[in-house]
Amino acid sequence: MPDCGVYLHWPAEGESWIHPEDVATVRQLIPSRRVLRRLHWDGRYYQLQYGRHRMRVRPTLWTRVEGVDLEVGEQVELLSKMGKNDAGIYRIAEIAFLPQVQQVVYYLQRGDLRMNHPFRREDLRPLHVRHRLRSDFYKFEPPGFDRSADIELLDVGDLEADDER
């Protein structure tokens, strides 16, 4: 975690899978093609995020979506792509999943003007690079040291300290 996914259909459990304080938010965002970010598990609920919206839900069937590294509200540069796009700095208004083609698309806005054309990830460049460390990603073992095989021991005889004379 974190990972991303969508609820394309309302789960069969009614509202019992939603934290009671988050029912209104969940009803507003689910079901849809919006790509939600699952942040963590507290032992009973997953905490989900979509832009400024946060909600808690119990484990239910959702469609996992791979390769989403941008977030709603994040500023990005729209690349020109040889004049195909109106290049500039935009904010991500929505991240959606197209199940027919198994693809994630991004809808952008500048100020109050929202663009209706979806863009692919290749059309966007994030303005800020976020570095995330993953625990247990790097596993370094200290090199082994077998003294008997690597070093020939030197016999120095009996050693005496200077203060014993």
N, C-alpha and C. Protein backbone atom coordinates (compact mmCIF):
# COMPACT_ATOMS: atom_id res chain seq x y z
N MET A 1 0.84 -1.16 0.00
CA MET A 1 0.00 0.00 0.00
C MET A 1 0.89 1.23 0.00
N PRO A 2 0.56 2.31 -0.55
CA PRO A 2 -0.73 2.60 -1.14
C PRO A 2 -0.90 1.95 -2.51
N ASP A 3 -2.14 1.64 -2.83
CA ASP A 3 -2.47 1.15 -4.16
C ASP A 3 -3.74 1.86 -4.61
N CYS A 4 -4.13 1.63 -5.86
CA CYS A 4 -5.26 2.36 -6.43
C CYS A 4 -6.27 1.39 -7.01
N GLY A 5 -7.52 1.85 -7.09
CA GLY A 5 -8.57 1.03 -7.67
C GLY A 5 -9.85 1.82 -7.85
N VAL A 6 -10.85 1.15 -8.42
CA VAL A 6 -12.14 1.77 -8.68
C VAL A 6 -13.27 0.86 -8.21
N TYR A 7 -14.37 1.47 -7.86
CA TYR A 7 -15.61 0.75 -7.57
C TYR A 7 -16.55 1.04 -8.74
N LEU A 8 -16.57 0.15 -9.71
CA LEU A 8 -17.42 0.34 -10.89
C LEU A 8 -18.88 0.04 -10.59
N HIS A 9 -19.13 -0.75 -9.53
CA HIS A 9 -20.49 -1.13 -9.13
C HIS A 9 -20.62 -0.95 -7.63
N TRP A 10 -21.83 -0.71 -7.17
CA TRP A 10 -22.08 -0.60 -5.74
C TRP A 10 -22.02 -2.00 -5.13
N PRO A 11 -21.21 -2.20 -4.08
CA PRO A 11 -21.11 -3.53 -3.46
C PRO A 11 -22.45 -4.02 -2.93
N ALA A 12 -22.63 -5.33 -2.93
CA ALA A 12 -23.89 -5.96 -2.53
C ALA A 12 -24.19 -5.82 -1.05
N GLU A 13 -23.22 -5.40 -0.24
CA GLU A 13 -23.41 -5.31 1.20
C GLU A 13 -24.24 -4.11 1.65
N GLY A 14 -24.84 -3.37 0.74
CA GLY A 14 -25.60 -2.17 1.11
C GLY A 14 -24.65 -1.08 1.57
N GLU A 15 -24.89 -0.55 2.78
CA GLU A 15 -23.99 0.47 3.34
C GLU A 15 -23.20 -0.05 4.53
N SER A 16 -23.31 -1.32 4.84
CA SER A 16 -22.65 -1.88 6.03
C SER A 16 -21.12 -1.88 5.90
N TRP A 17 -20.59 -1.75 4.72
CA TRP A 17 -19.14 -1.76 4.49
C TRP A 17 -18.52 -0.37 4.66
N ILE A 18 -19.35 0.65 4.85
CA ILE A 18 -18.88 2.04 4.96
C ILE A 18 -18.87 2.47 6.42
N HIS A 19 -17.85 3.19 6.82
CA HIS A 19 -17.82 3.77 8.16
C HIS A 19 -19.01 4.72 8.27
N PRO A 20 -19.76 4.68 9.39
CA PRO A 20 -20.98 5.50 9.50
C PRO A 20 -20.77 6.99 9.25
N GLU A 21 -19.61 7.54 9.58
CA GLU A 21 -19.36 8.96 9.38
C GLU A 21 -19.05 9.32 7.93
N ASP A 22 -18.81 8.31 7.09
CA ASP A 22 -18.37 8.56 5.71
C ASP A 22 -19.39 8.18 4.65
N VAL A 23 -20.61 7.84 5.05
CA VAL A 23 -21.62 7.37 4.09
C VAL A 23 -21.91 8.42 3.02
N ALA A 24 -22.06 9.68 3.40
CA ALA A 24 -22.39 10.73 2.42
C ALA A 24 -21.27 10.89 1.39
N THR A 25 -20.03 10.87 1.84
CA THR A 25 -18.89 11.02 0.92
C THR A 25 -18.82 9.84 -0.03
N VAL A 26 -18.98 8.63 0.49
CA VAL A 26 -18.91 7.43 -0.35
C VAL A 26 -20.04 7.44 -1.37
N ARG A 27 -21.24 7.80 -0.96
CA ARG A 27 -22.37 7.86 -1.89
C ARG A 27 -22.12 8.86 -3.02
N GLN A 28 -21.37 9.92 -2.72
CA GLN A 28 -21.06 10.94 -3.72
C GLN A 28 -20.04 10.43 -4.74
N LEU A 29 -19.11 9.57 -4.33
CA LEU A 29 -18.00 9.17 -5.19
C LEU A 29 -18.11 7.77 -5.78
N ILE A 30 -18.94 6.92 -5.20
CA ILE A 30 -19.02 5.51 -5.62
C ILE A 30 -20.47 5.17 -5.91
N PRO A 31 -20.77 4.40 -6.95
CA PRO A 31 -19.88 3.81 -7.95
C PRO A 31 -19.51 4.85 -9.01
N SER A 32 -18.34 4.68 -9.57
CA SER A 32 -17.88 5.57 -10.64
C SER A 32 -16.60 5.00 -11.22
N ARG A 33 -16.07 5.72 -12.19
CA ARG A 33 -14.79 5.35 -12.79
C ARG A 33 -13.63 6.07 -12.11
N ARG A 34 -13.91 6.83 -11.04
CA ARG A 34 -12.85 7.56 -10.34
C ARG A 34 -11.84 6.60 -9.72
N VAL A 35 -10.57 6.91 -9.88
CA VAL A 35 -9.51 6.08 -9.32
C VAL A 35 -9.21 6.57 -7.90
N LEU A 36 -9.51 5.72 -6.93
CA LEU A 36 -9.30 6.03 -5.52
C LEU A 36 -7.96 5.47 -5.07
N ARG A 37 -7.32 6.16 -4.13
CA ARG A 37 -6.05 5.69 -3.57
C ARG A 37 -6.33 5.08 -2.20
N ARG A 38 -5.91 3.83 -2.02
CA ARG A 38 -6.08 3.14 -0.73
C ARG A 38 -4.80 3.36 0.06
N LEU A 39 -4.90 4.12 1.15
CA LEU A 39 -3.72 4.56 1.88
C LEU A 39 -3.23 3.57 2.92
N HIS A 40 -4.13 3.08 3.78
CA HIS A 40 -3.69 2.12 4.79
C HIS A 40 -4.88 1.37 5.38
N TRP A 41 -4.55 0.34 6.13
CA TRP A 41 -5.51 -0.54 6.78
C TRP A 41 -5.33 -0.39 8.28
N ASP A 42 -6.41 -0.10 9.00
CA ASP A 42 -6.30 0.09 10.45
C ASP A 42 -6.73 -1.15 11.24
N GLY A 43 -6.97 -2.24 10.55
CA GLY A 43 -7.42 -3.46 11.20
C GLY A 43 -8.91 -3.71 11.01
N ARG A 44 -9.66 -2.67 10.69
CA ARG A 44 -11.09 -2.81 10.44
C ARG A 44 -11.51 -2.13 9.13
N TYR A 45 -10.91 -0.97 8.85
CA TYR A 45 -11.27 -0.20 7.65
C TYR A 45 -10.03 0.14 6.84
N TYR A 46 -10.22 0.21 5.52
CA TYR A 46 -9.23 0.81 4.64
C TYR A 46 -9.52 2.31 4.60
N GLN A 47 -8.48 3.12 4.58
CA GLN A 47 -8.68 4.55 4.39
C GLN A 47 -8.42 4.85 2.92
N LEU A 48 -9.43 5.41 2.25
CA LEU A 48 -9.34 5.76 0.84
C LEU A 48 -9.26 7.27 0.69
N GLN A 49 -8.64 7.70 -0.41
CA GLN A 49 -8.53 9.13 -0.69
C GLN A 49 -8.80 9.37 -2.16
N TYR A 50 -9.53 10.45 -2.43
CA TYR A 50 -9.71 10.93 -3.79
C TYR A 50 -9.65 12.45 -3.72
N GLY A 51 -8.51 13.01 -4.08
CA GLY A 51 -8.33 14.45 -3.94
C GLY A 51 -8.40 14.84 -2.48
N ARG A 52 -9.29 15.77 -2.15
CA ARG A 52 -9.43 16.21 -0.76
C ARG A 52 -10.39 15.34 0.05
N HIS A 53 -11.05 14.40 -0.62
CA HIS A 53 -12.01 13.51 0.04
C HIS A 53 -11.31 12.30 0.65
N ARG A 54 -11.63 12.01 1.90
CA ARG A 54 -11.14 10.80 2.56
C ARG A 54 -12.32 10.03 3.10
N MET A 55 -12.22 8.71 3.05
CA MET A 55 -13.31 7.87 3.53
C MET A 55 -12.76 6.55 4.03
N ARG A 56 -13.53 5.89 4.89
CA ARG A 56 -13.13 4.60 5.45
C ARG A 56 -14.16 3.55 5.03
N VAL A 57 -13.64 2.44 4.51
CA VAL A 57 -14.52 1.35 4.08
C VAL A 57 -13.92 0.01 4.50
N ARG A 58 -14.80 -0.95 4.70
CA ARG A 58 -14.35 -2.32 4.98
C ARG A 58 -13.95 -2.98 3.67
N PRO A 59 -13.21 -4.08 3.75
CA PRO A 59 -12.80 -4.76 2.51
C PRO A 59 -14.02 -5.18 1.67
N THR A 60 -14.01 -4.76 0.42
CA THR A 60 -15.06 -5.11 -0.54
C THR A 60 -14.40 -5.29 -1.90
N LEU A 61 -15.16 -5.81 -2.83
CA LEU A 61 -14.64 -6.07 -4.16
C LEU A 61 -14.48 -4.76 -4.92
N TRP A 62 -13.26 -4.50 -5.37
CA TRP A 62 -12.99 -3.36 -6.22
C TRP A 62 -12.06 -3.79 -7.32
N THR A 63 -11.92 -2.98 -8.34
CA THR A 63 -11.03 -3.28 -9.46
C THR A 63 -9.73 -2.55 -9.23
N ARG A 64 -8.66 -3.31 -9.09
CA ARG A 64 -7.35 -2.71 -8.86
C ARG A 64 -6.83 -2.08 -10.15
N VAL A 65 -6.22 -0.91 -10.02
CA VAL A 65 -5.69 -0.16 -11.16
C VAL A 65 -4.20 0.05 -10.92
N GLU A 66 -3.39 -0.30 -11.91
CA GLU A 66 -1.93 -0.19 -11.80
C GLU A 66 -1.43 1.09 -12.46
N GLY A 67 -0.28 1.55 -12.01
CA GLY A 67 0.44 2.61 -12.70
C GLY A 67 -0.04 4.02 -12.47
N VAL A 68 -0.73 4.28 -11.37
CA VAL A 68 -1.20 5.64 -11.08
C VAL A 68 -0.22 6.27 -10.09
N ASP A 69 0.54 7.25 -10.57
CA ASP A 69 1.52 7.90 -9.70
C ASP A 69 1.23 9.38 -9.49
N LEU A 70 0.12 9.87 -10.03
CA LEU A 70 -0.30 11.26 -9.85
C LEU A 70 -1.56 11.28 -9.01
N GLU A 71 -1.88 12.46 -8.44
CA GLU A 71 -3.05 12.57 -7.57
C GLU A 71 -3.94 13.72 -8.01
N VAL A 72 -5.21 13.62 -7.67
CA VAL A 72 -6.16 14.70 -7.94
C VAL A 72 -5.69 15.93 -7.18
N GLY A 73 -5.69 17.07 -7.87
CA GLY A 73 -5.25 18.33 -7.26
C GLY A 73 -3.79 18.65 -7.52
N GLU A 74 -3.03 17.69 -8.00
CA GLU A 74 -1.60 17.89 -8.25
C GLU A 74 -1.40 18.73 -9.51
N GLN A 75 -0.40 19.61 -9.48
CA GLN A 75 -0.06 20.40 -10.66
C GLN A 75 0.84 19.59 -11.58
N VAL A 76 0.53 19.66 -12.88
CA VAL A 76 1.31 18.95 -13.90
C VAL A 76 1.52 19.86 -15.09
N GLU A 77 2.50 19.51 -15.88
CA GLU A 77 2.73 20.19 -17.15
C GLU A 77 2.12 19.33 -18.24
N LEU A 78 1.26 19.92 -19.05
CA LEU A 78 0.72 19.23 -20.22
C LEU A 78 1.71 19.44 -21.35
N LEU A 79 2.25 18.35 -21.88
CA LEU A 79 3.25 18.42 -22.93
C LEU A 79 2.60 18.70 -24.28
N SER A 80 3.29 19.41 -25.14
CA SER A 80 2.75 19.83 -26.43
C SER A 80 2.49 18.66 -27.38
N LYS A 81 3.38 17.69 -27.40
CA LYS A 81 3.28 16.54 -28.31
C LYS A 81 3.12 17.01 -29.76
N MET A 82 4.08 17.83 -30.19
CA MET A 82 4.12 18.35 -31.57
C MET A 82 2.88 19.19 -31.90
N GLY A 83 2.42 19.98 -30.93
CA GLY A 83 1.29 20.88 -31.15
C GLY A 83 -0.07 20.23 -30.98
N LYS A 84 -0.12 18.96 -30.65
CA LYS A 84 -1.39 18.26 -30.47
C LYS A 84 -2.15 18.78 -29.24
N ASN A 85 -1.41 19.11 -28.17
CA ASN A 85 -2.01 19.58 -26.92
C ASN A 85 -1.72 21.06 -26.72
N ASP A 86 -2.57 21.72 -25.96
CA ASP A 86 -2.36 23.11 -25.56
C ASP A 86 -1.45 23.09 -24.33
N ALA A 87 -0.15 23.10 -24.56
CA ALA A 87 0.82 22.93 -23.49
C ALA A 87 0.68 24.02 -22.43
N GLY A 88 0.99 23.64 -21.20
CA GLY A 88 0.94 24.60 -20.10
C GLY A 88 0.88 23.89 -18.77
N ILE A 89 0.69 24.68 -17.72
CA ILE A 89 0.60 24.16 -16.36
C ILE A 89 -0.88 24.04 -16.00
N TYR A 90 -1.27 22.85 -15.56
CA TYR A 90 -2.66 22.56 -15.21
C TYR A 90 -2.70 21.85 -13.86
N ARG A 91 -3.89 21.69 -13.34
CA ARG A 91 -4.12 20.92 -12.13
C ARG A 91 -4.99 19.73 -12.51
N ILE A 92 -4.71 18.56 -11.93
CA ILE A 92 -5.52 17.37 -12.22
C ILE A 92 -6.87 17.51 -11.53
N ALA A 93 -7.94 17.51 -12.33
CA ALA A 93 -9.29 17.65 -11.80
C ALA A 93 -9.91 16.29 -11.49
N GLU A 94 -9.56 15.29 -12.29
CA GLU A 94 -10.15 13.96 -12.10
C GLU A 94 -9.22 12.91 -12.70
N ILE A 95 -9.18 11.76 -12.04
CA ILE A 95 -8.46 10.60 -12.56
C ILE A 95 -9.51 9.51 -12.74
N ALA A 96 -9.63 9.00 -13.96
CA ALA A 96 -10.68 8.03 -14.26
C ALA A 96 -10.09 6.79 -14.92
N PHE A 97 -10.79 5.68 -14.76
CA PHE A 97 -10.40 4.41 -15.35
C PHE A 97 -11.41 4.06 -16.44
N LEU A 98 -10.90 3.74 -17.62
CA LEU A 98 -11.77 3.32 -18.72
C LEU A 98 -11.72 1.80 -18.81
N PRO A 99 -12.75 1.12 -18.28
CA PRO A 99 -12.70 -0.35 -18.23
C PRO A 99 -12.69 -1.01 -19.61
N GLN A 100 -13.26 -0.36 -20.62
CA GLN A 100 -13.31 -0.96 -21.95
C GLN A 100 -11.91 -1.17 -22.52
N VAL A 101 -11.00 -0.25 -22.22
CA VAL A 101 -9.64 -0.33 -22.77
C VAL A 101 -8.60 -0.54 -21.67
N GLN A 102 -9.05 -0.70 -20.42
CA GLN A 102 -8.15 -0.92 -19.27
C GLN A 102 -7.08 0.16 -19.20
N GLN A 103 -7.51 1.42 -19.23
CA GLN A 103 -6.58 2.54 -19.27
C GLN A 103 -7.02 3.63 -18.29
N VAL A 104 -6.04 4.30 -17.69
CA VAL A 104 -6.29 5.43 -16.80
C VAL A 104 -6.14 6.71 -17.61
N VAL A 105 -7.09 7.64 -17.43
CA VAL A 105 -7.02 8.94 -18.10
C VAL A 105 -7.14 10.04 -17.06
N TYR A 106 -6.65 11.22 -17.43
CA TYR A 106 -6.60 12.36 -16.53
C TYR A 106 -7.37 13.52 -17.17
N TYR A 107 -8.22 14.16 -16.37
CA TYR A 107 -8.91 15.37 -16.80
C TYR A 107 -8.26 16.54 -16.08
N LEU A 108 -8.00 17.61 -16.82
CA LEU A 108 -7.24 18.73 -16.29
C LEU A 108 -8.10 19.99 -16.19
N GLN A 109 -7.63 20.91 -15.36
CA GLN A 109 -8.27 22.22 -15.29
C GLN A 109 -7.22 23.28 -15.02
N ARG A 110 -7.50 24.48 -15.50
CA ARG A 110 -6.67 25.65 -15.23
C ARG A 110 -7.61 26.72 -14.70
N GLY A 111 -7.42 27.08 -13.44
CA GLY A 111 -8.36 28.00 -12.80
C GLY A 111 -9.72 27.33 -12.70
N ASP A 112 -10.77 28.00 -13.20
CA ASP A 112 -12.11 27.42 -13.19
C ASP A 112 -12.45 26.70 -14.48
N LEU A 113 -11.56 26.75 -15.46
CA LEU A 113 -11.82 26.14 -16.76
C LEU A 113 -11.36 24.68 -16.76
N ARG A 114 -12.32 23.78 -16.88
CA ARG A 114 -12.01 22.35 -16.91
C ARG A 114 -12.04 21.86 -18.36
N MET A 115 -11.01 21.10 -18.72
CA MET A 115 -10.93 20.56 -20.07
C MET A 115 -11.72 19.25 -20.12
N ASN A 116 -12.54 19.07 -21.14
CA ASN A 116 -13.36 17.86 -21.27
C ASN A 116 -12.61 16.72 -21.94
N HIS A 117 -11.47 17.02 -22.53
CA HIS A 117 -10.69 16.01 -23.23
C HIS A 117 -9.84 15.22 -22.23
N PRO A 118 -9.89 13.89 -22.24
CA PRO A 118 -9.03 13.11 -21.34
C PRO A 118 -7.61 13.01 -21.89
N PHE A 119 -6.64 12.99 -20.99
CA PHE A 119 -5.24 12.87 -21.37
C PHE A 119 -4.65 11.60 -20.76
N ARG A 120 -3.67 11.03 -21.45
CA ARG A 120 -2.97 9.86 -20.93
C ARG A 120 -1.78 10.32 -20.09
N ARG A 121 -1.23 9.40 -19.33
CA ARG A 121 -0.10 9.72 -18.45
C ARG A 121 1.09 10.22 -19.26
N GLU A 122 1.28 9.70 -20.46
CA GLU A 122 2.42 10.10 -21.30
C GLU A 122 2.35 11.57 -21.71
N ASP A 123 1.15 12.17 -21.63
CA ASP A 123 0.97 13.57 -22.00
C ASP A 123 1.33 14.52 -20.86
N LEU A 124 1.57 13.98 -19.67
CA LEU A 124 1.74 14.81 -18.48
C LEU A 124 3.13 14.64 -17.87
N ARG A 125 3.61 15.73 -17.29
CA ARG A 125 4.87 15.69 -16.53
C ARG A 125 4.60 16.33 -15.17
N PRO A 126 4.85 15.59 -14.09
CA PRO A 126 4.63 16.19 -12.76
C PRO A 126 5.61 17.33 -12.52
N LEU A 127 5.15 18.36 -11.82
CA LEU A 127 6.02 19.48 -11.51
C LEU A 127 6.90 19.20 -10.30
N HIS A 128 6.45 18.33 -9.43
CA HIS A 128 7.21 18.00 -8.23
C HIS A 128 7.47 16.51 -8.21
N VAL A 129 8.71 16.14 -8.00
CA VAL A 129 9.06 14.73 -7.91
C VAL A 129 8.99 14.33 -6.44
N ARG A 130 8.18 13.32 -6.15
CA ARG A 130 8.04 12.81 -4.79
C ARG A 130 8.86 11.54 -4.67
N HIS A 131 9.69 11.50 -3.68
CA HIS A 131 10.48 10.31 -3.43
C HIS A 131 9.81 9.54 -2.30
N ARG A 132 9.48 8.30 -2.55
CA ARG A 132 8.86 7.46 -1.53
C ARG A 132 9.75 6.27 -1.27
N LEU A 133 10.11 6.09 -0.02
CA LEU A 133 10.91 4.94 0.35
C LEU A 133 9.97 3.80 0.73
N ARG A 134 10.29 2.64 0.25
CA ARG A 134 9.49 1.47 0.59
C ARG A 134 10.25 0.64 1.60
N SER A 135 9.60 0.32 2.70
CA SER A 135 10.28 -0.48 3.70
C SER A 135 10.52 -1.88 3.14
N ASP A 136 11.62 -2.44 3.52
CA ASP A 136 12.03 -3.78 3.09
C ASP A 136 12.29 -3.88 1.60
N PHE A 137 12.49 -2.76 0.92
CA PHE A 137 12.77 -2.82 -0.51
C PHE A 137 14.21 -3.25 -0.75
N TYR A 138 15.12 -2.61 -0.01
CA TYR A 138 16.53 -2.96 -0.14
C TYR A 138 16.91 -3.87 1.02
N LYS A 139 17.49 -4.98 0.70
CA LYS A 139 17.93 -5.91 1.73
C LYS A 139 19.42 -6.14 1.54
N PHE A 140 20.20 -5.58 2.45
CA PHE A 140 21.64 -5.73 2.38
C PHE A 140 22.09 -6.70 3.45
N GLU A 141 22.80 -7.69 3.05
CA GLU A 141 23.41 -8.62 3.98
C GLU A 141 24.86 -8.22 4.14
N PRO A 142 25.34 -8.10 5.38
CA PRO A 142 26.76 -7.79 5.53
C PRO A 142 27.59 -8.94 4.96
N PRO A 143 28.71 -8.61 4.34
CA PRO A 143 29.51 -9.69 3.76
C PRO A 143 30.00 -10.63 4.85
N GLY A 144 29.98 -11.89 4.54
CA GLY A 144 30.44 -12.89 5.51
C GLY A 144 31.95 -12.83 5.67
N PHE A 145 32.43 -13.20 6.83
CA PHE A 145 33.86 -13.16 7.10
C PHE A 145 34.25 -14.45 7.79
N ASP A 146 34.98 -15.27 7.07
CA ASP A 146 35.48 -16.52 7.64
C ASP A 146 36.97 -16.32 7.89
N ARG A 147 37.32 -16.05 9.14
CA ARG A 147 38.69 -15.71 9.49
C ARG A 147 39.67 -16.82 9.16
N SER A 148 39.29 -18.05 9.35
CA SER A 148 40.23 -19.14 9.12
C SER A 148 40.58 -19.30 7.65
N ALA A 149 39.67 -18.96 6.77
CA ALA A 149 39.93 -19.14 5.34
C ALA A 149 40.64 -17.93 4.74
N ASP A 150 40.42 -16.74 5.29
CA ASP A 150 40.93 -15.53 4.68
C ASP A 150 42.29 -15.08 5.21
N ILE A 151 42.63 -15.42 6.45
CA ILE A 151 43.84 -14.89 7.06
C ILE A 151 44.68 -16.03 7.62
N GLU A 152 45.95 -15.99 7.31
CA GLU A 152 46.87 -16.94 7.91
C GLU A 152 47.32 -16.33 9.23
N LEU A 153 47.09 -17.04 10.33
CA LEU A 153 47.43 -16.51 11.64
C LEU A 153 48.94 -16.50 11.83
N LEU A 154 49.43 -15.46 12.46
CA LEU A 154 50.85 -15.27 12.70
C LEU A 154 51.15 -15.61 14.16
N ASP A 155 52.11 -16.48 14.39
CA ASP A 155 52.51 -16.84 15.75
C ASP A 155 53.53 -15.81 16.22
N VAL A 156 53.18 -15.01 17.24
CA VAL A 156 54.07 -13.96 17.74
C VAL A 156 54.73 -14.35 19.06
N GLY A 157 54.52 -15.55 19.53
CA GLY A 157 55.14 -15.99 20.77
C GLY A 157 54.44 -15.38 21.97
N ASP A 158 55.18 -15.28 23.10
CA ASP A 158 54.61 -14.69 24.32
C ASP A 158 54.85 -13.20 24.31
N LEU A 159 53.81 -12.45 24.51
CA LEU A 159 53.92 -11.00 24.54
C LEU A 159 53.85 -10.54 25.99
N GLU A 160 54.70 -9.58 26.33
CA GLU A 160 54.70 -9.02 27.67
C GLU A 160 54.44 -7.53 27.57
N ALA A 161 53.73 -7.02 28.56
CA ALA A 161 53.49 -5.59 28.60
C ALA A 161 54.70 -4.89 29.17
N ASP A 162 54.93 -3.62 28.80
CA ASP A 162 56.08 -2.85 29.26
C ASP A 162 56.10 -2.66 30.77
N ASP A 163 54.94 -2.56 31.40
CA ASP A 163 54.90 -2.29 32.84
C ASP A 163 55.20 -3.53 33.68
N GLU A 164 55.31 -4.71 33.09
CA GLU A 164 55.60 -5.92 33.84
C GLU A 164 57.09 -6.12 34.03
N ARG A 165 57.96 -5.40 33.44
CA ARG A 165 59.41 -5.58 33.55
C ARG A 165 59.95 -5.03 34.78
